[in-house]
Amino acid sequence: MEIKIRYVDPVALKKIDKIAKEKKISRQEFLKSQIKTLAVFQEQKDREAELEQLIDRNIKMMERCAVAIETINGFIQDMMGEDEE
């Protein structure tokens, strides 16, 4: 697929050309790799956000489980007639 970008700041273009030259690749190759990196970066950000949500849900569930375990332990102690120490 072809992409055209118009009205690029000449200073920015010189910097892009310099970076491409240092990497010994063409401007096109450099920009193509940057676009690909940008696309992958967004996918990675989305995955990280999903993972953070999953971790938050797991933490909340673990907190509820801890409360339930404490309640059950208290109930068992009451049933056995043991005093809490």
N, C-alpha and C. Protein backbone atom coordinates (compact mmCIF):
# COMPACT_ATOMS: atom_id res chain seq x y z
N MET A 1 0.84 -1.18 0.00
CA MET A 1 0.00 0.00 0.00
C MET A 1 0.89 1.24 0.00
N GLU A 2 0.44 2.24 -0.69
CA GLU A 2 1.22 3.47 -0.81
C GLU A 2 0.64 4.54 0.12
N ILE A 3 1.54 5.28 0.77
CA ILE A 3 1.14 6.39 1.64
C ILE A 3 1.90 7.63 1.18
N LYS A 4 1.18 8.74 1.04
CA LYS A 4 1.82 10.02 0.72
C LYS A 4 1.60 10.96 1.89
N ILE A 5 2.65 11.66 2.25
CA ILE A 5 2.54 12.66 3.32
C ILE A 5 3.04 13.98 2.74
N ARG A 6 2.19 14.98 2.82
CA ARG A 6 2.54 16.28 2.26
C ARG A 6 2.84 17.27 3.37
N TYR A 7 3.56 18.31 2.99
CA TYR A 7 3.83 19.46 3.86
C TYR A 7 4.59 19.06 5.12
N VAL A 8 5.58 18.20 4.98
CA VAL A 8 6.43 17.82 6.10
C VAL A 8 7.43 18.94 6.35
N ASP A 9 7.62 19.28 7.59
CA ASP A 9 8.57 20.32 7.98
C ASP A 9 9.96 19.93 7.45
N PRO A 10 10.61 20.82 6.71
CA PRO A 10 11.93 20.50 6.15
C PRO A 10 12.97 20.13 7.22
N VAL A 11 12.88 20.73 8.37
CA VAL A 11 13.82 20.40 9.46
C VAL A 11 13.60 18.96 9.91
N ALA A 12 12.34 18.58 10.05
CA ALA A 12 12.02 17.21 10.45
C ALA A 12 12.50 16.23 9.38
N LEU A 13 12.31 16.59 8.14
CA LEU A 13 12.73 15.72 7.04
C LEU A 13 14.24 15.53 7.03
N LYS A 14 14.98 16.60 7.31
CA LYS A 14 16.45 16.49 7.38
C LYS A 14 16.86 15.55 8.52
N LYS A 15 16.17 15.63 9.63
CA LYS A 15 16.48 14.75 10.76
C LYS A 15 16.18 13.30 10.40
N ILE A 16 15.06 13.09 9.73
CA ILE A 16 14.70 11.73 9.29
C ILE A 16 15.75 11.20 8.32
N ASP A 17 16.16 12.02 7.39
CA ASP A 17 17.18 11.60 6.43
C ASP A 17 18.50 11.28 7.13
N LYS A 18 18.85 12.08 8.11
CA LYS A 18 20.09 11.86 8.86
C LYS A 18 20.04 10.52 9.59
N ILE A 19 18.94 10.27 10.26
CA ILE A 19 18.79 9.00 11.00
C ILE A 19 18.85 7.82 10.03
N ALA A 20 18.15 7.94 8.91
CA ALA A 20 18.15 6.86 7.91
C ALA A 20 19.56 6.63 7.37
N LYS A 21 20.27 7.71 7.12
CA LYS A 21 21.64 7.58 6.60
C LYS A 21 22.53 6.90 7.63
N GLU A 22 22.39 7.26 8.91
CA GLU A 22 23.18 6.63 9.97
C GLU A 22 22.89 5.13 10.06
N LYS A 23 21.65 4.76 9.78
CA LYS A 23 21.26 3.35 9.82
C LYS A 23 21.56 2.64 8.50
N LYS A 24 22.04 3.43 7.53
CA LYS A 24 22.38 2.91 6.20
C LYS A 24 21.17 2.28 5.51
N ILE A 25 20.05 2.99 5.63
CA ILE A 25 18.83 2.57 4.94
C ILE A 25 18.21 3.80 4.28
N SER A 26 17.27 3.55 3.40
CA SER A 26 16.60 4.67 2.71
C SER A 26 15.59 5.33 3.65
N ARG A 27 15.20 6.53 3.27
CA ARG A 27 14.16 7.23 4.02
C ARG A 27 12.89 6.37 4.05
N GLN A 28 12.56 5.79 2.89
CA GLN A 28 11.35 4.96 2.81
C GLN A 28 11.43 3.78 3.78
N GLU A 29 12.56 3.10 3.80
CA GLU A 29 12.71 1.95 4.71
C GLU A 29 12.59 2.40 6.16
N PHE A 30 13.22 3.53 6.47
CA PHE A 30 13.16 4.04 7.85
C PHE A 30 11.73 4.37 8.25
N LEU A 31 11.03 5.12 7.39
CA LEU A 31 9.66 5.52 7.72
C LEU A 31 8.72 4.31 7.78
N LYS A 32 8.94 3.35 6.90
CA LYS A 32 8.13 2.13 6.91
C LYS A 32 8.30 1.39 8.24
N SER A 33 9.54 1.28 8.71
CA SER A 33 9.78 0.60 9.99
C SER A 33 9.18 1.38 11.16
N GLN A 34 9.21 2.71 11.07
CA GLN A 34 8.64 3.54 12.14
C GLN A 34 7.12 3.38 12.19
N ILE A 35 6.48 3.31 11.04
CA ILE A 35 5.02 3.12 10.99
C ILE A 35 4.66 1.76 11.58
N LYS A 36 5.44 0.75 11.21
CA LYS A 36 5.19 -0.60 11.74
C LYS A 36 5.38 -0.61 13.26
N THR A 37 6.43 0.04 13.73
CA THR A 37 6.67 0.12 15.18
C THR A 37 5.51 0.81 15.89
N LEU A 38 5.02 1.88 15.29
CA LEU A 38 3.89 2.61 15.87
C LEU A 38 2.66 1.72 15.98
N ALA A 39 2.39 0.95 14.94
CA ALA A 39 1.23 0.06 14.95
C ALA A 39 1.37 -1.02 16.01
N VAL A 40 2.54 -1.60 16.12
CA VAL A 40 2.79 -2.64 17.11
C VAL A 40 2.71 -2.05 18.52
N PHE A 41 3.23 -0.84 18.68
CA PHE A 41 3.21 -0.18 19.99
C PHE A 41 1.78 -0.01 20.48
N GLN A 42 0.88 0.40 19.61
CA GLN A 42 -0.53 0.58 20.00
C GLN A 42 -1.14 -0.75 20.42
N GLU A 43 -0.85 -1.82 19.67
CA GLU A 43 -1.35 -3.14 20.06
C GLU A 43 -0.83 -3.53 21.43
N GLN A 44 0.45 -3.25 21.68
CA GLN A 44 1.05 -3.58 22.97
C GLN A 44 0.40 -2.78 24.10
N LYS A 45 0.12 -1.51 23.85
CA LYS A 45 -0.55 -0.69 24.86
C LYS A 45 -1.92 -1.25 25.19
N ASP A 46 -2.64 -1.69 24.17
CA ASP A 46 -3.96 -2.28 24.38
C ASP A 46 -3.86 -3.55 25.21
N ARG A 47 -2.88 -4.40 24.90
CA ARG A 47 -2.69 -5.64 25.66
C ARG A 47 -2.34 -5.34 27.11
N GLU A 48 -1.48 -4.35 27.32
CA GLU A 48 -1.10 -3.98 28.68
C GLU A 48 -2.31 -3.49 29.47
N ALA A 49 -3.16 -2.71 28.84
CA ALA A 49 -4.37 -2.21 29.52
C ALA A 49 -5.28 -3.38 29.89
N GLU A 50 -5.44 -4.34 29.00
CA GLU A 50 -6.26 -5.52 29.30
C GLU A 50 -5.66 -6.31 30.46
N LEU A 51 -4.34 -6.45 30.45
CA LEU A 51 -3.66 -7.19 31.52
C LEU A 51 -3.82 -6.47 32.86
N GLU A 52 -3.70 -5.16 32.86
CA GLU A 52 -3.89 -4.39 34.10
C GLU A 52 -5.30 -4.58 34.65
N GLN A 53 -6.29 -4.59 33.76
CA GLN A 53 -7.67 -4.82 34.20
C GLN A 53 -7.83 -6.21 34.79
N LEU A 54 -7.22 -7.19 34.16
CA LEU A 54 -7.28 -8.56 34.66
C LEU A 54 -6.61 -8.66 36.03
N ILE A 55 -5.48 -8.03 36.19
CA ILE A 55 -4.78 -8.04 37.48
C ILE A 55 -5.64 -7.38 38.55
N ASP A 56 -6.25 -6.25 38.24
CA ASP A 56 -7.13 -5.57 39.20
C ASP A 56 -8.30 -6.47 39.62
N ARG A 57 -8.90 -7.15 38.64
CA ARG A 57 -10.01 -8.06 38.97
C ARG A 57 -9.53 -9.21 39.85
N ASN A 58 -8.34 -9.72 39.56
CA ASN A 58 -7.79 -10.81 40.37
C ASN A 58 -7.51 -10.35 41.80
N ILE A 59 -6.98 -9.15 41.94
CA ILE A 59 -6.70 -8.62 43.29
C ILE A 59 -7.99 -8.49 44.08
N LYS A 60 -9.04 -7.95 43.45
CA LYS A 60 -10.32 -7.80 44.14
C LYS A 60 -10.89 -9.16 44.54
N MET A 61 -10.76 -10.14 43.66
CA MET A 61 -11.24 -11.48 43.99
C MET A 61 -10.44 -12.09 45.13
N MET A 62 -9.15 -11.89 45.12
CA MET A 62 -8.31 -12.40 46.21
C MET A 62 -8.67 -11.75 47.53
N GLU A 63 -8.96 -10.46 47.51
CA GLU A 63 -9.38 -9.77 48.73
C GLU A 63 -10.68 -10.36 49.26
N ARG A 64 -11.63 -10.64 48.36
CA ARG A 64 -12.90 -11.25 48.78
C ARG A 64 -12.67 -12.65 49.34
N CYS A 65 -11.77 -13.39 48.72
CA CYS A 65 -11.45 -14.74 49.21
C CYS A 65 -10.82 -14.67 50.60
N ALA A 66 -9.95 -13.71 50.82
CA ALA A 66 -9.31 -13.56 52.13
C ALA A 66 -10.36 -13.26 53.20
N VAL A 67 -11.31 -12.39 52.89
CA VAL A 67 -12.39 -12.07 53.83
C VAL A 67 -13.22 -13.32 54.11
N ALA A 68 -13.53 -14.07 53.06
CA ALA A 68 -14.32 -15.30 53.23
C ALA A 68 -13.57 -16.31 54.09
N ILE A 69 -12.28 -16.45 53.87
CA ILE A 69 -11.49 -17.39 54.67
C ILE A 69 -11.46 -16.97 56.13
N GLU A 70 -11.29 -15.67 56.38
CA GLU A 70 -11.32 -15.18 57.76
C GLU A 70 -12.66 -15.47 58.41
N THR A 71 -13.74 -15.27 57.66
CA THR A 71 -15.08 -15.54 58.18
C THR A 71 -15.24 -17.02 58.50
N ILE A 72 -14.80 -17.87 57.59
CA ILE A 72 -14.90 -19.31 57.81
C ILE A 72 -14.05 -19.73 59.01
N ASN A 73 -12.84 -19.20 59.11
CA ASN A 73 -11.99 -19.51 60.26
C ASN A 73 -12.66 -19.11 61.57
N GLY A 74 -13.26 -17.93 61.57
CA GLY A 74 -13.97 -17.48 62.78
C GLY A 74 -15.13 -18.41 63.10
N PHE A 75 -15.87 -18.81 62.09
CA PHE A 75 -16.99 -19.73 62.28
C PHE A 75 -16.50 -21.07 62.83
N ILE A 76 -15.42 -21.59 62.26
CA ILE A 76 -14.87 -22.87 62.74
C ILE A 76 -14.42 -22.76 64.18
N GLN A 77 -13.75 -21.67 64.51
CA GLN A 77 -13.30 -21.46 65.89
C GLN A 77 -14.49 -21.38 66.84
N ASP A 78 -15.55 -20.69 66.44
CA ASP A 78 -16.75 -20.61 67.26
C ASP A 78 -17.38 -21.98 67.44
N MET A 79 -17.43 -22.76 66.39
CA MET A 79 -18.03 -24.10 66.45
C MET A 79 -17.21 -25.05 67.33
N MET A 80 -15.90 -24.85 67.33
CA MET A 80 -15.02 -25.71 68.12
C MET A 80 -14.88 -25.19 69.54
N GLY A 81 -15.37 -24.00 69.78
CA GLY A 81 -15.29 -23.42 71.10
C GLY A 81 -13.92 -22.92 71.46
N GLU A 82 -13.11 -22.62 70.45
CA GLU A 82 -11.76 -22.12 70.71
C GLU A 82 -11.78 -20.61 70.79
N ASP A 83 -10.91 -20.06 71.62
CA ASP A 83 -10.77 -18.61 71.70
C ASP A 83 -9.71 -18.16 70.70
N GLU A 84 -9.95 -17.04 70.10
CA GLU A 84 -9.01 -16.48 69.15
C GLU A 84 -7.83 -15.93 69.90
N GLU A 85 -6.63 -16.18 69.43
CA GLU A 85 -5.43 -15.68 70.11
C GLU A 85 -4.82 -14.56 69.37
